[in-house]
Amino acid sequence: MIGRAAMALAWPWNWPYLNPMVQPISTQHGMIAAPRPQGGVASAIVWGAASLGGLAVCGAAALWFHYGTTVFFEMIAAGISACF
Protein backbone atom coordinates (compact mmCIF):
# COMPACT_ATOMS: atom_id res chain seq x y z
CA MET A 1 0.00 0.00 0.00
CA ILE A 2 1.30 3.39 -0.92
CA GLY A 3 1.61 5.96 1.83
CA ARG A 4 1.94 3.53 4.70
CA ALA A 5 5.18 2.94 6.54
CA ALA A 6 7.16 -0.01 5.24
CA MET A 7 7.37 -3.03 7.50
CA ALA A 8 10.75 -4.30 8.53
CA LEU A 9 11.79 -7.46 6.70
CA ALA A 10 13.72 -8.73 9.69
CA TRP A 11 13.61 -7.85 13.31
CA PRO A 12 16.80 -6.91 15.13
CA TRP A 13 17.11 -10.34 16.82
CA ASN A 14 17.15 -12.06 13.36
CA TRP A 15 20.40 -10.42 12.13
CA PRO A 16 22.66 -13.40 12.99
CA TYR A 17 20.50 -15.45 10.63
CA LEU A 18 20.40 -12.85 7.85
CA ASN A 19 24.07 -11.70 7.86
CA PRO A 20 25.44 -14.73 5.94
CA MET A 21 22.76 -14.22 3.29
CA VAL A 22 23.94 -10.69 2.50
CA GLN A 23 27.58 -11.54 1.83
CA PRO A 24 28.81 -11.00 -1.75
CA ILE A 25 29.28 -14.07 -3.88
CA SER A 26 32.72 -14.50 -5.40
CA THR A 27 32.39 -15.70 -8.98
CA GLN A 28 36.05 -15.77 -9.96
CA HIS A 29 36.92 -18.78 -7.82
CA GLY A 30 33.74 -20.66 -8.56
CA MET A 31 33.81 -20.35 -12.36
CA ILE A 32 34.43 -23.49 -14.36
CA ALA A 33 34.84 -23.80 -18.09
CA ALA A 34 31.94 -25.19 -20.06
CA PRO A 35 32.65 -28.69 -21.37
CA ARG A 36 33.16 -29.18 -25.08
CA PRO A 37 30.19 -30.73 -26.83
CA GLN A 38 30.67 -34.45 -27.39
CA GLY A 39 29.56 -34.77 -31.00
CA GLY A 40 32.42 -36.86 -32.33
CA VAL A 41 30.41 -39.97 -33.19
CA ALA A 42 27.54 -38.06 -34.77
CA SER A 43 29.95 -35.96 -36.78
CA ALA A 44 31.76 -39.07 -38.03
CA ILE A 45 28.46 -40.63 -39.12
CA VAL A 46 27.42 -37.49 -41.01
CA TRP A 47 30.81 -37.16 -42.72
CA GLY A 48 30.76 -40.87 -43.64
CA ALA A 49 27.28 -40.63 -45.14
CA ALA A 50 28.23 -37.50 -47.07
CA SER A 51 31.36 -39.22 -48.40
CA LEU A 52 29.37 -42.29 -49.44
CA GLY A 53 26.80 -40.09 -51.20
CA GLY A 54 29.57 -38.19 -52.97
CA LEU A 55 31.15 -41.45 -54.16
CA ALA A 56 27.79 -42.65 -55.49
CA VAL A 57 27.31 -39.41 -57.45
CA CYS A 58 30.86 -39.58 -58.83
CA GLY A 59 30.34 -43.22 -59.83
CA ALA A 60 27.08 -42.38 -61.59
CA ALA A 61 28.76 -39.53 -63.46
CA ALA A 62 31.63 -41.82 -64.50
CA LEU A 63 29.18 -44.43 -65.84
CA TRP A 64 27.24 -41.70 -67.65
CA PHE A 65 30.34 -40.41 -69.42
CA HIS A 66 31.70 -43.88 -70.21
CA TYR A 67 28.56 -45.61 -71.52
CA GLY A 68 26.41 -42.71 -72.65
CA THR A 69 22.94 -41.79 -71.54
CA THR A 70 21.02 -44.63 -73.18
CA VAL A 71 23.11 -47.45 -71.77
CA PHE A 72 23.33 -45.68 -68.42
CA PHE A 73 19.54 -45.43 -68.06
CA GLU A 74 19.13 -49.05 -69.26
CA MET A 75 21.57 -50.24 -66.59
CA ILE A 76 19.74 -48.30 -63.90
CA ALA A 77 16.34 -49.63 -65.05
CA ALA A 78 17.71 -53.21 -65.15
CA GLY A 79 19.14 -52.81 -61.64
CA ILE A 80 15.84 -51.49 -60.26
CA SER A 81 13.81 -54.26 -61.96
CA ALA A 82 16.23 -56.87 -60.57
CA CYS A 83 15.49 -55.60 -57.04
CA PHE A 84 11.73 -56.14 -57.43
C-alpha atoms as a PDB file:
ATOM      1  CA  MET A   1       0.000   0.000   0.000  1.00  0.00           C
ATOM      2  CA  ILE A   2       1.296   3.386  -0.922  1.00  0.00           C
ATOM      3  CA  GLY A   3       1.607   5.956   1.834  1.00  0.00           C
ATOM      4  CA  ARG A   4       1.944   3.533   4.700  1.00  0.00           C
ATOM      5  CA  ALA A   5       5.179   2.941   6.542  1.00  0.00           C
ATOM      6  CA  ALA A   6       7.159  -0.010   5.236  1.00  0.00           C
ATOM      7  CA  MET A   7       7.369  -3.028   7.497  1.00  0.00           C
ATOM      8  CA  ALA A   8      10.752  -4.304   8.532  1.00  0.00           C
ATOM      9  CA  LEU A   9      11.785  -7.459   6.701  1.00  0.00           C
ATOM     10  CA  ALA A  10      13.720  -8.728   9.687  1.00  0.00           C
ATOM     11  CA  TRP A  11      13.615  -7.850  13.305  1.00  0.00           C
ATOM     12  CA  PRO A  12      16.805  -6.913  15.135  1.00  0.00           C
ATOM     13  CA  TRP A  13      17.107 -10.336  16.818  1.00  0.00           C
ATOM     14  CA  ASN A  14      17.154 -12.060  13.356  1.00  0.00           C
ATOM     15  CA  TRP A  15      20.397 -10.421  12.132  1.00  0.00           C
ATOM     16  CA  PRO A  16      22.657 -13.397  12.993  1.00  0.00           C
ATOM     17  CA  TYR A  17      20.505 -15.455  10.626  1.00  0.00           C
ATOM     18  CA  LEU A  18      20.403 -12.849   7.846  1.00  0.00           C
ATOM     19  CA  ASN A  19      24.066 -11.703   7.855  1.00  0.00           C
ATOM     20  CA  PRO A  20      25.443 -14.734   5.938  1.00  0.00           C
ATOM     21  CA  MET A  21      22.760 -14.221   3.285  1.00  0.00           C
ATOM     22  CA  VAL A  22      23.943 -10.694   2.499  1.00  0.00           C
ATOM     23  CA  GLN A  23      27.585 -11.541   1.833  1.00  0.00           C
ATOM     24  CA  PRO A  24      28.813 -10.999  -1.746  1.00  0.00           C
ATOM     25  CA  ILE A  25      29.280 -14.072  -3.878  1.00  0.00           C
ATOM     26  CA  SER A  26      32.722 -14.498  -5.396  1.00  0.00           C
ATOM     27  CA  THR A  27      32.393 -15.702  -8.979  1.00  0.00           C
ATOM     28  CA  GLN A  28      36.051 -15.766  -9.961  1.00  0.00           C
ATOM     29  CA  HIS A  29      36.919 -18.782  -7.816  1.00  0.00           C
ATOM     30  CA  GLY A  30      33.744 -20.655  -8.558  1.00  0.00           C
ATOM     31  CA  MET A  31      33.815 -20.349 -12.360  1.00  0.00           C
ATOM     32  CA  ILE A  32      34.433 -23.495 -14.356  1.00  0.00           C
ATOM     33  CA  ALA A  33      34.844 -23.797 -18.086  1.00  0.00           C
ATOM     34  CA  ALA A  34      31.940 -25.186 -20.064  1.00  0.00           C
ATOM     35  CA  PRO A  35      32.649 -28.693 -21.370  1.00  0.00           C
ATOM     36  CA  ARG A  36      33.162 -29.178 -25.076  1.00  0.00           C
ATOM     37  CA  PRO A  37      30.186 -30.734 -26.828  1.00  0.00           C
ATOM     38  CA  GLN A  38      30.671 -34.450 -27.389  1.00  0.00           C
ATOM     39  CA  GLY A  39      29.556 -34.770 -30.999  1.00  0.00           C
ATOM     40  CA  GLY A  40      32.423 -36.860 -32.333  1.00  0.00           C
ATOM     41  CA  VAL A  41      30.412 -39.968 -33.192  1.00  0.00           C
ATOM     42  CA  ALA A  42      27.536 -38.058 -34.772  1.00  0.00           C
ATOM     43  CA  SER A  43      29.954 -35.959 -36.784  1.00  0.00           C
ATOM     44  CA  ALA A  44      31.762 -39.069 -38.033  1.00  0.00           C
ATOM     45  CA  ILE A  45      28.462 -40.631 -39.123  1.00  0.00           C
ATOM     46  CA  VAL A  46      27.424 -37.489 -41.008  1.00  0.00           C
ATOM     47  CA  TRP A  47      30.806 -37.162 -42.721  1.00  0.00           C
ATOM     48  CA  GLY A  48      30.765 -40.873 -43.640  1.00  0.00           C
ATOM     49  CA  ALA A  49      27.282 -40.628 -45.138  1.00  0.00           C
ATOM     50  CA  ALA A  50      28.232 -37.499 -47.074  1.00  0.00           C
ATOM     51  CA  SER A  51      31.362 -39.223 -48.403  1.00  0.00           C
ATOM     52  CA  LEU A  52      29.374 -42.291 -49.443  1.00  0.00           C
ATOM     53  CA  GLY A  53      26.803 -40.093 -51.200  1.00  0.00           C
ATOM     54  CA  GLY A  54      29.571 -38.186 -52.968  1.00  0.00           C
ATOM     55  CA  LEU A  55      31.154 -41.445 -54.156  1.00  0.00           C
ATOM     56  CA  ALA A  56      27.789 -42.648 -55.491  1.00  0.00           C
ATOM     57  CA  VAL A  57      27.308 -39.405 -57.450  1.00  0.00           C
ATOM     58  CA  CYS A  58      30.862 -39.580 -58.835  1.00  0.00           C
ATOM     59  CA  GLY A  59      30.341 -43.224 -59.828  1.00  0.00           C
ATOM     60  CA  ALA A  60      27.083 -42.383 -61.591  1.00  0.00           C
ATOM     61  CA  ALA A  61      28.763 -39.528 -63.464  1.00  0.00           C
ATOM     62  CA  ALA A  62      31.633 -41.821 -64.498  1.00  0.00           C
ATOM     63  CA  LEU A  63      29.183 -44.431 -65.839  1.00  0.00           C
ATOM     64  CA  TRP A  64      27.244 -41.701 -67.654  1.00  0.00           C
ATOM     65  CA  PHE A  65      30.342 -40.407 -69.423  1.00  0.00           C
ATOM     66  CA  HIS A  66      31.700 -43.879 -70.209  1.00  0.00           C
ATOM     67  CA  TYR A  67      28.561 -45.611 -71.521  1.00  0.00           C
ATOM     68  CA  GLY A  68      26.409 -42.711 -72.651  1.00  0.00           C
ATOM     69  CA  THR A  69      22.944 -41.792 -71.541  1.00  0.00           C
ATOM     70  CA  THR A  70      21.015 -44.630 -73.183  1.00  0.00           C
ATOM     71  CA  VAL A  71      23.109 -47.451 -71.768  1.00  0.00           C
ATOM     72  CA  PHE A  72      23.327 -45.677 -68.416  1.00  0.00           C
ATOM     73  CA  PHE A  73      19.544 -45.434 -68.061  1.00  0.00           C
ATOM     74  CA  GLU A  74      19.130 -49.047 -69.262  1.00  0.00           C
ATOM     75  CA  MET A  75      21.571 -50.244 -66.589  1.00  0.00           C
ATOM     76  CA  ILE A  76      19.744 -48.297 -63.898  1.00  0.00           C
ATOM     77  CA  ALA A  77      16.343 -49.635 -65.049  1.00  0.00           C
ATOM     78  CA  ALA A  78      17.713 -53.209 -65.155  1.00  0.00           C
ATOM     79  CA  GLY A  79      19.137 -52.814 -61.639  1.00  0.00           C
ATOM     80  CA  ILE A  80      15.841 -51.487 -60.264  1.00  0.00           C
ATOM     81  CA  SER A  81      13.809 -54.257 -61.955  1.00  0.00           C
ATOM     82  CA  ALA A  82      16.226 -56.875 -60.569  1.00  0.00           C
ATOM     83  CA  CYS A  83      15.494 -55.604 -57.045  1.00  0.00           C
ATOM     84  CA  PHE A  84      11.733 -56.135 -57.427  1.00  0.00           C
END
